[in-house]
Amino acid sequence: MRFTLQLRIKLNDWSVISRLSSCYSMLYFFHGWTLASLLLVALCLTSKTLTHCTFKRHLRRNEV
């Protein structure tokens, strides 16, 4: 009786752990995607500002 109870508790723990791990993997997956998209946006913004600044400098040099 005691052994079956312990086994049942262990099985319940395993089901909870598996549910948690699946939730964590989903969260990790979505978190990874959001981080990647944010990085891409940041890279695009920085590259645009850099090209904009260099373009302005180039125009100023041509004016003088």
N, C-alpha and C. Protein backbone atom coordinates (compact mmCIF):
# COMPACT_ATOMS: atom_id res chain seq x y z
N MET A 1 0.83 -1.20 0.00
CA MET A 1 0.00 0.00 0.00
C MET A 1 0.87 1.26 0.00
N ARG A 2 1.86 1.24 0.86
CA ARG A 2 2.73 2.40 0.95
C ARG A 2 3.54 2.58 -0.34
N PHE A 3 3.98 1.48 -0.89
CA PHE A 3 4.77 1.53 -2.12
C PHE A 3 3.94 2.08 -3.28
N THR A 4 2.70 1.64 -3.41
CA THR A 4 1.84 2.13 -4.49
C THR A 4 1.56 3.62 -4.33
N LEU A 5 1.41 4.05 -3.09
CA LEU A 5 1.18 5.48 -2.84
C LEU A 5 2.40 6.29 -3.27
N GLN A 6 3.58 5.80 -2.90
CA GLN A 6 4.81 6.50 -3.30
C GLN A 6 4.95 6.52 -4.81
N LEU A 7 4.62 5.40 -5.44
CA LEU A 7 4.72 5.31 -6.89
C LEU A 7 3.75 6.29 -7.55
N ARG A 8 2.55 6.37 -7.00
CA ARG A 8 1.54 7.28 -7.54
C ARG A 8 2.01 8.74 -7.39
N ILE A 9 2.59 9.05 -6.25
CA ILE A 9 3.11 10.41 -6.02
C ILE A 9 4.22 10.72 -7.02
N LYS A 10 5.09 9.73 -7.25
CA LYS A 10 6.18 9.93 -8.20
C LYS A 10 5.63 10.15 -9.60
N LEU A 11 4.62 9.37 -9.96
CA LEU A 11 4.01 9.53 -11.29
C LEU A 11 3.35 10.90 -11.43
N ASN A 12 2.70 11.35 -10.37
CA ASN A 12 2.09 12.68 -10.40
C ASN A 12 3.17 13.75 -10.55
N ASP A 13 4.27 13.57 -9.83
CA ASP A 13 5.39 14.51 -9.95
C ASP A 13 5.90 14.55 -11.39
N TRP A 14 6.01 13.35 -11.98
CA TRP A 14 6.51 13.29 -13.35
C TRP A 14 5.58 14.00 -14.32
N SER A 15 4.27 13.83 -14.12
CA SER A 15 3.32 14.50 -15.02
C SER A 15 3.41 16.02 -14.86
N VAL A 16 3.54 16.46 -13.62
CA VAL A 16 3.68 17.90 -13.37
C VAL A 16 4.97 18.42 -14.00
N ILE A 17 6.05 17.66 -13.83
CA ILE A 17 7.34 18.07 -14.39
C ILE A 17 7.27 18.12 -15.92
N SER A 18 6.62 17.12 -16.51
CA SER A 18 6.52 17.11 -17.97
C SER A 18 5.68 18.28 -18.47
N ARG A 19 4.61 18.59 -17.75
CA ARG A 19 3.79 19.74 -18.14
C ARG A 19 4.59 21.03 -18.03
N LEU A 20 5.32 21.16 -16.93
CA LEU A 20 6.13 22.36 -16.74
C LEU A 20 7.20 22.47 -17.81
N SER A 21 7.83 21.35 -18.13
CA SER A 21 8.89 21.40 -19.14
C SER A 21 8.32 21.77 -20.50
N SER A 22 7.13 21.26 -20.83
CA SER A 22 6.53 21.63 -22.12
C SER A 22 6.19 23.11 -22.14
N CYS A 23 5.67 23.62 -21.02
CA CYS A 23 5.37 25.05 -20.94
C CYS A 23 6.65 25.87 -21.07
N TYR A 24 7.70 25.43 -20.40
CA TYR A 24 8.97 26.15 -20.47
C TYR A 24 9.54 26.13 -21.88
N SER A 25 9.41 24.98 -22.55
CA SER A 25 9.95 24.90 -23.91
C SER A 25 9.18 25.83 -24.84
N MET A 26 7.85 25.91 -24.67
CA MET A 26 7.05 26.82 -25.48
C MET A 26 7.46 28.26 -25.21
N LEU A 27 7.59 28.60 -23.92
CA LEU A 27 7.99 29.95 -23.55
C LEU A 27 9.37 30.28 -24.10
N TYR A 28 10.29 29.31 -23.99
CA TYR A 28 11.65 29.51 -24.48
C TYR A 28 11.64 29.74 -25.99
N PHE A 29 10.81 28.95 -26.68
CA PHE A 29 10.72 29.07 -28.14
C PHE A 29 10.23 30.47 -28.53
N PHE A 30 9.11 30.89 -27.91
CA PHE A 30 8.56 32.20 -28.23
C PHE A 30 9.51 33.31 -27.80
N HIS A 31 10.15 33.12 -26.66
CA HIS A 31 11.10 34.12 -26.17
C HIS A 31 12.25 34.26 -27.14
N GLY A 32 12.72 33.12 -27.65
CA GLY A 32 13.80 33.15 -28.63
C GLY A 32 13.41 33.89 -29.89
N TRP A 33 12.18 33.64 -30.36
CA TRP A 33 11.72 34.34 -31.56
C TRP A 33 11.61 35.83 -31.33
N THR A 34 11.06 36.24 -30.18
CA THR A 34 10.92 37.67 -29.91
C THR A 34 12.29 38.32 -29.78
N LEU A 35 13.23 37.61 -29.14
CA LEU A 35 14.57 38.16 -29.01
C LEU A 35 15.22 38.31 -30.38
N ALA A 36 15.05 37.32 -31.23
CA ALA A 36 15.64 37.37 -32.57
C ALA A 36 15.05 38.53 -33.37
N SER A 37 13.73 38.69 -33.30
CA SER A 37 13.10 39.77 -34.05
C SER A 37 13.53 41.13 -33.51
N LEU A 38 13.64 41.23 -32.18
CA LEU A 38 14.09 42.49 -31.59
C LEU A 38 15.52 42.81 -32.02
N LEU A 39 16.37 41.79 -32.06
CA LEU A 39 17.74 42.00 -32.50
C LEU A 39 17.78 42.45 -33.95
N LEU A 40 16.94 41.84 -34.78
CA LEU A 40 16.90 42.23 -36.18
C LEU A 40 16.45 43.67 -36.33
N VAL A 41 15.43 44.05 -35.58
CA VAL A 41 14.93 45.43 -35.64
C VAL A 41 16.01 46.40 -35.18
N ALA A 42 16.70 46.04 -34.09
CA ALA A 42 17.77 46.90 -33.58
C ALA A 42 18.89 47.04 -34.61
N LEU A 43 19.24 45.93 -35.25
CA LEU A 43 20.29 45.98 -36.27
C LEU A 43 19.87 46.86 -37.44
N CYS A 44 18.63 46.71 -37.87
CA CYS A 44 18.14 47.53 -38.98
C CYS A 44 18.17 49.00 -38.61
N LEU A 45 17.70 49.32 -37.40
CA LEU A 45 17.67 50.72 -36.96
C LEU A 45 19.08 51.29 -36.89
N THR A 46 20.00 50.54 -36.31
CA THR A 46 21.37 51.05 -36.19
C THR A 46 22.01 51.21 -37.56
N SER A 47 21.77 50.26 -38.45
CA SER A 47 22.36 50.37 -39.79
C SER A 47 21.76 51.56 -40.54
N LYS A 48 20.46 51.79 -40.37
CA LYS A 48 19.83 52.93 -41.03
C LYS A 48 20.39 54.24 -40.50
N THR A 49 20.53 54.34 -39.18
CA THR A 49 21.06 55.58 -38.61
C THR A 49 22.51 55.79 -39.03
N LEU A 50 23.28 54.70 -39.08
CA LEU A 50 24.67 54.82 -39.49
C LEU A 50 24.77 55.28 -40.93
N THR A 51 23.99 54.68 -41.82
CA THR A 51 24.04 55.09 -43.23
C THR A 51 23.53 56.52 -43.37
N HIS A 52 22.54 56.88 -42.59
CA HIS A 52 22.00 58.25 -42.65
C HIS A 52 23.07 59.25 -42.24
N CYS A 53 23.77 58.95 -41.15
CA CYS A 53 24.82 59.86 -40.67
C CYS A 53 25.95 59.95 -41.69
N THR A 54 26.38 58.84 -42.22
CA THR A 54 27.48 58.87 -43.19
C THR A 54 27.05 59.57 -44.46
N PHE A 55 25.79 59.39 -44.85
CA PHE A 55 25.27 60.07 -46.04
C PHE A 55 25.26 61.58 -45.84
N LYS A 56 24.86 62.03 -44.65
CA LYS A 56 24.86 63.46 -44.34
C LYS A 56 26.28 64.01 -44.38
N ARG A 57 27.22 63.28 -43.82
CA ARG A 57 28.61 63.72 -43.82
C ARG A 57 29.12 63.84 -45.25
N HIS A 58 28.75 62.85 -46.06
CA HIS A 58 29.16 62.84 -47.46
C HIS A 58 28.60 64.07 -48.19
N LEU A 59 27.34 64.39 -47.91
CA LEU A 59 26.72 65.56 -48.53
C LEU A 59 27.42 66.84 -48.08
N ARG A 60 27.74 66.92 -46.81
CA ARG A 60 28.42 68.12 -46.29
C ARG A 60 29.78 68.29 -46.94
N ARG A 61 30.48 67.20 -47.14
CA ARG A 61 31.80 67.27 -47.78
C ARG A 61 31.65 67.77 -49.22
N ASN A 62 30.63 67.29 -49.91
CA ASN A 62 30.42 67.71 -51.29
C ASN A 62 30.03 69.18 -51.39
N GLU A 63 29.29 69.68 -50.40
CA GLU A 63 28.88 71.08 -50.42
C GLU A 63 30.09 72.00 -50.28
N VAL A 64 31.04 71.60 -49.44
CA VAL A 64 32.24 72.40 -49.21
C VAL A 64 33.23 72.11 -50.30
